[in-house]
PDB file of N, CA and C in Angstrom:
ATOM      1  N   UNK A   1     -17.743 -19.852   6.707  1.00  0.00           N
ATOM      2  CA  UNK A   1     -16.856 -18.588   6.675  1.00  0.00           C
ATOM      3  C   UNK A   1     -16.908 -17.824   5.392  1.00  0.00           C
ATOM      4  N   UNK A   2     -16.908 -18.542   4.150  1.00  0.00           N
ATOM      5  CA  UNK A   2     -16.814 -18.035   2.881  1.00  0.00           C
ATOM      6  C   UNK A   2     -18.114 -17.353   2.617  1.00  0.00           C
ATOM      7  N   UNK A   3     -19.215 -17.585   3.289  1.00  0.00           N
ATOM      8  CA  UNK A   3     -20.485 -16.744   3.045  1.00  0.00           C
ATOM      9  C   UNK A   3     -20.238 -15.370   3.784  1.00  0.00           C
ATOM     10  N   UNK A   4     -19.538 -15.329   4.945  1.00  0.00           N
ATOM     11  CA  UNK A   4     -19.271 -14.166   5.588  1.00  0.00           C
ATOM     12  C   UNK A   4     -18.307 -13.204   5.012  1.00  0.00           C
ATOM     13  N   UNK A   5     -17.265 -13.709   4.748  1.00  0.00           N
ATOM     14  CA  UNK A   5     -16.216 -13.025   4.372  1.00  0.00           C
ATOM     15  C   UNK A   5     -16.054 -12.678   2.811  1.00  0.00           C
ATOM     16  N   UNK A   6     -16.987 -11.899   2.325  1.00  0.00           N
ATOM     17  CA  UNK A   6     -17.234 -11.520   0.776  1.00  0.00           C
ATOM     18  C   UNK A   6     -16.104 -10.467   0.689  1.00  0.00           C
ATOM     19  N   UNK A   7     -15.954 -10.085  -0.731  1.00  0.00           N
ATOM     20  CA  UNK A   7     -14.950  -9.067  -1.052  1.00  0.00           C
ATOM     21  C   UNK A   7     -15.223  -7.624  -0.334  1.00  0.00           C
ATOM     22  N   UNK A   8     -16.699  -7.400  -0.246  1.00  0.00           N
ATOM     23  CA  UNK A   8     -17.037  -6.081   0.150  1.00  0.00           C
ATOM     24  C   UNK A   8     -16.831  -5.964   1.722  1.00  0.00           C
ATOM     25  N   UNK A   9     -17.154  -7.098   2.394  1.00  0.00           N
ATOM     26  CA  UNK A   9     -17.057  -7.165   3.660  1.00  0.00           C
ATOM     27  C   UNK A   9     -15.521  -7.266   4.203  1.00  0.00           C
ATOM     28  N   UNK A  10     -14.573  -7.736   3.310  1.00  0.00           N
ATOM     29  CA  UNK A  10     -13.343  -7.719   3.582  1.00  0.00           C
ATOM     30  C   UNK A  10     -12.663  -6.317   3.527  1.00  0.00           C
ATOM     31  N   UNK A  11     -13.207  -5.632   2.444  1.00  0.00           N
ATOM     32  CA  UNK A  11     -13.116  -4.242   2.275  1.00  0.00           C
ATOM     33  C   UNK A  11     -13.264  -3.347   3.342  1.00  0.00           C
ATOM     34  N   UNK A  12     -14.508  -3.643   4.020  1.00  0.00           N
ATOM     35  CA  UNK A  12     -14.995  -2.904   4.962  1.00  0.00           C
ATOM     36  C   UNK A  12     -14.213  -3.131   6.298  1.00  0.00           C
ATOM     37  N   UNK A  13     -13.891  -4.394   6.612  1.00  0.00           N
ATOM     38  CA  UNK A  13     -12.982  -4.628   7.669  1.00  0.00           C
ATOM     39  C   UNK A  13     -11.566  -3.990   7.582  1.00  0.00           C
ATOM     40  N   UNK A  14     -10.926  -3.834   6.269  1.00  0.00           N
ATOM     41  CA  UNK A  14      -9.891  -3.006   6.044  1.00  0.00           C
ATOM     42  C   UNK A  14     -10.032  -1.585   6.384  1.00  0.00           C
ATOM     43  N   UNK A  15     -11.059  -1.195   5.885  1.00  0.00           N
ATOM     44  CA  UNK A  15     -11.318   0.359   6.203  1.00  0.00           C
ATOM     45  C   UNK A  15     -11.566   0.485   7.730  1.00  0.00           C
ATOM     46  N   UNK A  16     -12.332  -0.328   8.281  1.00  0.00           N
ATOM     47  CA  UNK A  16     -12.727  -0.251   9.866  1.00  0.00           C
ATOM     48  C   UNK A  16     -11.322  -0.179  10.719  1.00  0.00           C
ATOM     49  N   UNK A  17     -10.305  -1.106  10.215  1.00  0.00           N
ATOM     50  CA  UNK A  17      -9.165  -0.908  11.026  1.00  0.00           C
ATOM     51  C   UNK A  17      -8.381   0.488  11.072  1.00  0.00           C
ATOM     52  N   UNK A  18      -8.556   0.936  10.053  1.00  0.00           N
ATOM     53  CA  UNK A  18      -7.733   2.591   9.837  1.00  0.00           C
ATOM     54  C   UNK A  18      -8.815   3.389  10.097  1.00  0.00           C
ATOM     55  N   UNK A  19     -10.011   3.217   9.896  1.00  0.00           N
ATOM     56  CA  UNK A  19     -10.964   4.317  10.368  1.00  0.00           C
ATOM     57  C   UNK A  19     -12.239   3.964  10.994  1.00  0.00           C
ATOM     58  N   UNK A  20     -12.228   3.617  12.303  1.00  0.00           N
ATOM     59  CA  UNK A  20     -13.415   3.167  12.989  1.00  0.00           C
ATOM     60  C   UNK A  20     -14.613   4.296  12.883  1.00  0.00           C
ATOM     61  N   UNK A  21     -15.823   3.724  12.796  1.00  0.00           N
ATOM     62  CA  UNK A  21     -16.825   4.686  12.663  1.00  0.00           C
ATOM     63  C   UNK A  21     -17.770   4.890  13.789  1.00  0.00           C
ATOM     64  N   UNK A  22     -18.293   5.921  14.133  1.00  0.00           N
ATOM     65  CA  UNK A  22     -19.143   6.266  15.174  1.00  0.00           C
ATOM     66  C   UNK A  22     -20.581   5.502  14.932  1.00  0.00           C
ATOM     67  N   UNK A  23     -21.012   5.101  13.979  1.00  0.00           N
ATOM     68  CA  UNK A  23     -22.214   4.545  13.251  1.00  0.00           C
ATOM     69  C   UNK A  23     -22.262   3.815  12.154  1.00  0.00           C
ATOM     70  N   UNK A  24     -23.068   2.972  12.016  1.00  0.00           N
ATOM     71  CA  UNK A  24     -23.218   2.273  10.677  1.00  0.00           C
ATOM     72  C   UNK A  24     -23.517   3.204   9.614  1.00  0.00           C
ATOM     73  N   UNK A  25     -24.434   4.327   9.896  1.00  0.00           N
ATOM     74  CA  UNK A  25     -24.566   5.343   8.754  1.00  0.00           C
ATOM     75  C   UNK A  25     -23.368   5.990   8.447  1.00  0.00           C
ATOM     76  N   UNK A  26     -22.525   6.313   9.331  1.00  0.00           N
ATOM     77  CA  UNK A  26     -21.175   7.135   9.195  1.00  0.00           C
ATOM     78  C   UNK A  26     -20.361   6.174   8.352  1.00  0.00           C
ATOM     79  N   UNK A  27     -20.246   4.717   8.640  1.00  0.00           N
ATOM     80  CA  UNK A  27     -19.460   3.884   7.983  1.00  0.00           C
ATOM     81  C   UNK A  27     -19.977   3.902   6.463  1.00  0.00           C
ATOM     82  N   UNK A  28     -21.209   3.471   6.140  1.00  0.00           N
ATOM     83  CA  UNK A  28     -21.901   3.620   4.867  1.00  0.00           C
ATOM     84  C   UNK A  28     -21.430   4.947   4.107  1.00  0.00           C
ATOM     85  N   UNK A  29     -21.494   6.115   4.634  1.00  0.00           N
ATOM     86  CA  UNK A  29     -21.174   7.297   4.010  1.00  0.00           C
ATOM     87  C   UNK A  29     -19.605   7.142   3.669  1.00  0.00           C
ATOM     88  N   UNK A  30     -18.659   6.815   4.552  1.00  0.00           N
ATOM     89  CA  UNK A  30     -17.486   6.824   4.365  1.00  0.00           C
ATOM     90  C   UNK A  30     -16.956   5.966   3.377  1.00  0.00           C
ATOM     91  N   UNK A  31     -17.833   4.785   3.120  1.00  0.00           N
ATOM     92  CA  UNK A  31     -17.520   3.962   1.952  1.00  0.00           C
ATOM     93  C   UNK A  31     -18.119   4.196   0.829  1.00  0.00           C
ATOM     94  N   UNK A  32     -19.138   5.206   0.692  1.00  0.00           N
ATOM     95  CA  UNK A  32     -19.741   5.487  -0.270  1.00  0.00           C
ATOM     96  C   UNK A  32     -20.749   4.285  -0.823  1.00  0.00           C
ATOM     97  N   UNK A  33     -21.310   3.657   0.072  1.00  0.00           N
ATOM     98  CA  UNK A  33     -22.317   2.545  -0.001  1.00  0.00           C
ATOM     99  C   UNK A  33     -23.690   2.652   0.553  1.00  0.00           C
ATOM    100  N   UNK A  34     -24.570   2.058   0.069  1.00  0.00           N
ATOM    101  CA  UNK A  34     -25.804   2.091   0.383  1.00  0.00           C
ATOM    102  C   UNK A  34     -26.081   1.627   1.941  1.00  0.00           C
ATOM    103  N   UNK A  35     -26.867   2.469   2.711  1.00  0.00           N
ATOM    104  CA  UNK A  35     -27.020   2.095   4.100  1.00  0.00           C
ATOM    105  C   UNK A  35     -27.244   0.596   4.505  1.00  0.00           C
ATOM    106  N   UNK A  36     -28.424   0.162   3.821  1.00  0.00           N
ATOM    107  CA  UNK A  36     -29.194  -1.085   4.140  1.00  0.00           C
ATOM    108  C   UNK A  36     -28.121  -2.228   3.949  1.00  0.00           C
ATOM    109  N   UNK A  37     -27.148  -2.235   2.825  1.00  0.00           N
ATOM    110  CA  UNK A  37     -26.278  -2.980   2.471  1.00  0.00           C
ATOM    111  C   UNK A  37     -25.105  -3.166   3.768  1.00  0.00           C
ATOM    112  N   UNK A  38     -24.753  -1.929   3.942  1.00  0.00           N
ATOM    113  CA  UNK A  38     -23.464  -1.932   4.967  1.00  0.00           C
ATOM    114  C   UNK A  38     -24.215  -2.524   6.312  1.00  0.00           C
ATOM    115  N   UNK A  39     -25.357  -2.156   6.717  1.00  0.00           N
ATOM    116  CA  UNK A  39     -26.048  -2.630   7.921  1.00  0.00           C
ATOM    117  C   UNK A  39     -25.990  -4.063   7.959  1.00  0.00           C
ATOM    118  N   UNK A  40     -26.465  -4.699   6.760  1.00  0.00           N
ATOM    119  CA  UNK A  40     -26.486  -6.106   6.764  1.00  0.00           C
ATOM    120  C   UNK A  40     -25.194  -6.670   6.817  1.00  0.00           C
ATOM    121  N   UNK A  41     -23.992  -5.978   6.158  1.00  0.00           N
ATOM    122  CA  UNK A  41     -22.708  -6.549   6.239  1.00  0.00           C
ATOM    123  C   UNK A  41     -22.201  -6.504   7.807  1.00  0.00           C
ATOM    124  N   UNK A  42     -22.402  -5.188   8.258  1.00  0.00           N
ATOM    125  CA  UNK A  42     -22.024  -5.184   9.760  1.00  0.00           C
ATOM    126  C   UNK A  42     -22.641  -6.126  10.726  1.00  0.00           C
ATOM    127  N   UNK A  43     -24.022  -6.522  10.669  1.00  0.00           N
ATOM    128  CA  UNK A  43     -24.526  -7.445  11.082  1.00  0.00           C
ATOM    129  C   UNK A  43     -24.005  -8.824  10.986  1.00  0.00           C
ATOM    130  N   UNK A  44     -23.650  -9.131   9.836  1.00  0.00           N
ATOM    131  CA  UNK A  44     -22.934 -10.537   9.489  1.00  0.00           C
ATOM    132  C   UNK A  44     -21.590 -10.641  10.176  1.00  0.00           C
ATOM    133  N   UNK A  45     -20.835  -9.618   9.958  1.00  0.00           N
ATOM    134  CA  UNK A  45     -19.393  -9.566  10.345  1.00  0.00           C
ATOM    135  C   UNK A  45     -19.452  -9.668  11.968  1.00  0.00           C
ATOM    136  N   UNK A  46     -20.418  -8.786  12.628  1.00  0.00           N
ATOM    137  CA  UNK A  46     -20.545  -8.831  13.978  1.00  0.00           C
ATOM    138  C   UNK A  46     -20.826 -10.101  14.593  1.00  0.00           C
ATOM    139  N   UNK A  47     -21.872 -10.529  13.902  1.00  0.00           N
ATOM    140  CA  UNK A  47     -22.355 -12.072  14.241  1.00  0.00           C
ATOM    141  C   UNK A  47     -21.372 -13.130  14.260  1.00  0.00           C
ATOM    142  N   UNK A  48     -20.279 -12.955  13.455  1.00  0.00           N
ATOM    143  CA  UNK A  48     -19.345 -13.913  13.301  1.00  0.00           C
ATOM    144  C   UNK A  48     -18.065 -13.543  14.286  1.00  0.00           C
ATOM    145  N   UNK A  49     -18.355 -12.375  14.963  1.00  0.00           N
ATOM    146  CA  UNK A  49     -17.115 -11.970  15.891  1.00  0.00           C
ATOM    147  C   UNK A  49     -15.903 -11.398  14.951  1.00  0.00           C
ATOM    148  N   UNK A  50     -15.998 -10.998  13.939  1.00  0.00           N
ATOM    149  CA  UNK A  50     -14.986 -10.383  13.026  1.00  0.00           C
ATOM    150  C   UNK A  50     -14.859  -8.832  13.143  1.00  0.00           C
ATOM    151  N   UNK A  51     -15.829  -8.143  13.713  1.00  0.00           N
ATOM    152  CA  UNK A  51     -16.064  -6.638  13.996  1.00  0.00           C
ATOM    153  C   UNK A  51     -16.601  -6.576  15.131  1.00  0.00           C
ATOM    154  N   UNK A  52     -16.557  -5.301  15.762  1.00  0.00           N
ATOM    155  CA  UNK A  52     -17.389  -5.058  16.908  1.00  0.00           C
ATOM    156  C   UNK A  52     -18.313  -3.741  16.894  1.00  0.00           C
ATOM    157  N   UNK A  53     -19.366  -4.057  17.290  1.00  0.00           N
ATOM    158  CA  UNK A  53     -20.510  -2.760  16.973  1.00  0.00           C
ATOM    159  C   UNK A  53     -21.090  -2.900  18.570  1.00  0.00           C
ATOM    160  N   UNK A  54     -20.925  -1.572  18.954  1.00  0.00           N
ATOM    161  CA  UNK A  54     -21.639  -1.366  20.168  1.00  0.00           C
ATOM    162  C   UNK A  54     -21.868   0.241  20.235  1.00  0.00           C
ATOM    163  N   UNK A  55     -22.407   0.546  21.471  1.00  0.00           N
ATOM    164  CA  UNK A  55     -22.615   2.052  21.623  1.00  0.00           C
ATOM    165  C   UNK A  55     -21.346   2.960  21.515  1.00  0.00           C
ATOM    166  N   UNK A  56     -20.174   2.490  21.324  1.00  0.00           N
ATOM    167  CA  UNK A  56     -19.019   3.280  20.902  1.00  0.00           C
ATOM    168  C   UNK A  56     -18.647   3.327  19.388  1.00  0.00           C
ATOM    169  N   UNK A  57     -19.751   2.535  18.839  1.00  0.00           N
ATOM    170  CA  UNK A  57     -19.527   2.771  17.236  1.00  0.00           C
ATOM    171  C   UNK A  57     -19.116   1.243  16.765  1.00  0.00           C
ATOM    172  N   UNK A  58     -18.527   1.241  15.380  1.00  0.00           N
ATOM    173  CA  UNK A  58     -18.310   0.054  14.694  1.00  0.00           C
ATOM    174  C   UNK A  58     -16.766   0.077  14.390  1.00  0.00           C
ATOM    175  N   UNK A  59     -16.056  -0.972  14.681  1.00  0.00           N
ATOM    176  CA  UNK A  59     -14.495  -1.060  14.703  1.00  0.00           C
ATOM    177  C   UNK A  59     -13.855  -2.436  14.647  1.00  0.00           C
ATOM    178  N   UNK A  60     -12.927  -2.697  14.425  1.00  0.00           N
ATOM    179  CA  UNK A  60     -12.051  -3.855  14.458  1.00  0.00           C
ATOM    180  C   UNK A  60     -10.585  -3.610  15.017  1.00  0.00           C
ATOM    181  N   UNK A  61     -10.307  -4.583  15.914  1.00  0.00           N
ATOM    182  CA  UNK A  61      -9.035  -4.201  16.641  1.00  0.00           C
ATOM    183  C   UNK A  61      -7.799  -5.270  16.128  1.00  0.00           C
ATOM    184  N   UNK A  62      -8.240  -5.954  15.051  1.00  0.00           N
ATOM    185  CA  UNK A  62      -7.060  -6.830  14.637  1.00  0.00           C
ATOM    186  C   UNK A  62      -6.967  -6.749  13.122  1.00  0.00           C
ATOM    187  N   UNK A  63      -5.589  -6.986  12.615  1.00  0.00           N
ATOM    188  CA  UNK A  63      -5.216  -7.023  11.250  1.00  0.00           C
ATOM    189  C   UNK A  63      -5.475  -8.383  10.539  1.00  0.00           C
ATOM    190  N   UNK A  64      -5.129  -9.504  11.379  1.00  0.00           N
ATOM    191  CA  UNK A  64      -4.829 -10.796  10.675  1.00  0.00           C
ATOM    192  C   UNK A  64      -6.069 -11.571  11.124  1.00  0.00           C
ATOM    193  N   UNK A  65      -6.547 -12.347  10.159  1.00  0.00           N
ATOM    194  CA  UNK A  65      -7.429 -13.575  10.446  1.00  0.00           C
ATOM    195  C   UNK A  65      -6.858 -14.752  10.204  1.00  0.00           C
ATOM    196  N   UNK A  66      -7.171 -15.926  11.139  1.00  0.00           N
ATOM    197  CA  UNK A  66      -6.415 -17.195  10.852  1.00  0.00           C
ATOM    198  C   UNK A  66      -7.767 -18.025  10.818  1.00  0.00           C
ATOM    199  N   UNK A  67      -7.850 -18.870   9.902  1.00  0.00           N
ATOM    200  CA  UNK A  67      -8.810 -19.705   9.715  1.00  0.00           C
ATOM    201  C   UNK A  67      -8.531 -21.214   9.547  1.00  0.00           C
ATOM    202  N   UNK A  68      -8.918 -22.116  10.460  1.00  0.00           N
ATOM    203  CA  UNK A  68      -8.476 -23.609  10.114  1.00  0.00           C
ATOM    204  C   UNK A  68      -9.761 -24.075   9.652  1.00  0.00           C
ATOM    205  N   UNK A  69      -9.740 -24.926   8.483  1.00  0.00           N
ATOM    206  CA  UNK A  69     -10.705 -25.561   7.764  1.00  0.00           C
ATOM    207  C   UNK A  69     -10.508 -26.961   7.869  1.00  0.00           C
ATOM    208  N   UNK A  70     -11.475 -27.954   8.660  1.00  0.00           N
ATOM    209  CA  UNK A  70     -11.341 -29.103   8.844  1.00  0.00           C
ATOM    210  C   UNK A  70     -12.202 -29.848   7.650  1.00  0.00           C
ATOM    211  N   UNK A  71     -11.466 -30.654   7.117  1.00  0.00           N
ATOM    212  CA  UNK A  71     -12.081 -31.716   6.010  1.00  0.00           C
ATOM    213  C   UNK A  71     -12.461 -32.862   6.311  1.00  0.00           C
TER     214      UNK A  71
END
């Protein structure tokens, strides 16, 4: 999980919670970041189930993440 939840990706999640984006390009522009890096971040977060990406755009529906780490 620590590989997926980098600082930039957490920032992106917070932004998406307030401002869902119609596309990855629109998200990159609103964040002022490079498209390719945002695309990679979106894929990583969507693959981990932390954001949603579909034909309606990119978004997240929840404010809180809970993680259990078993040692």
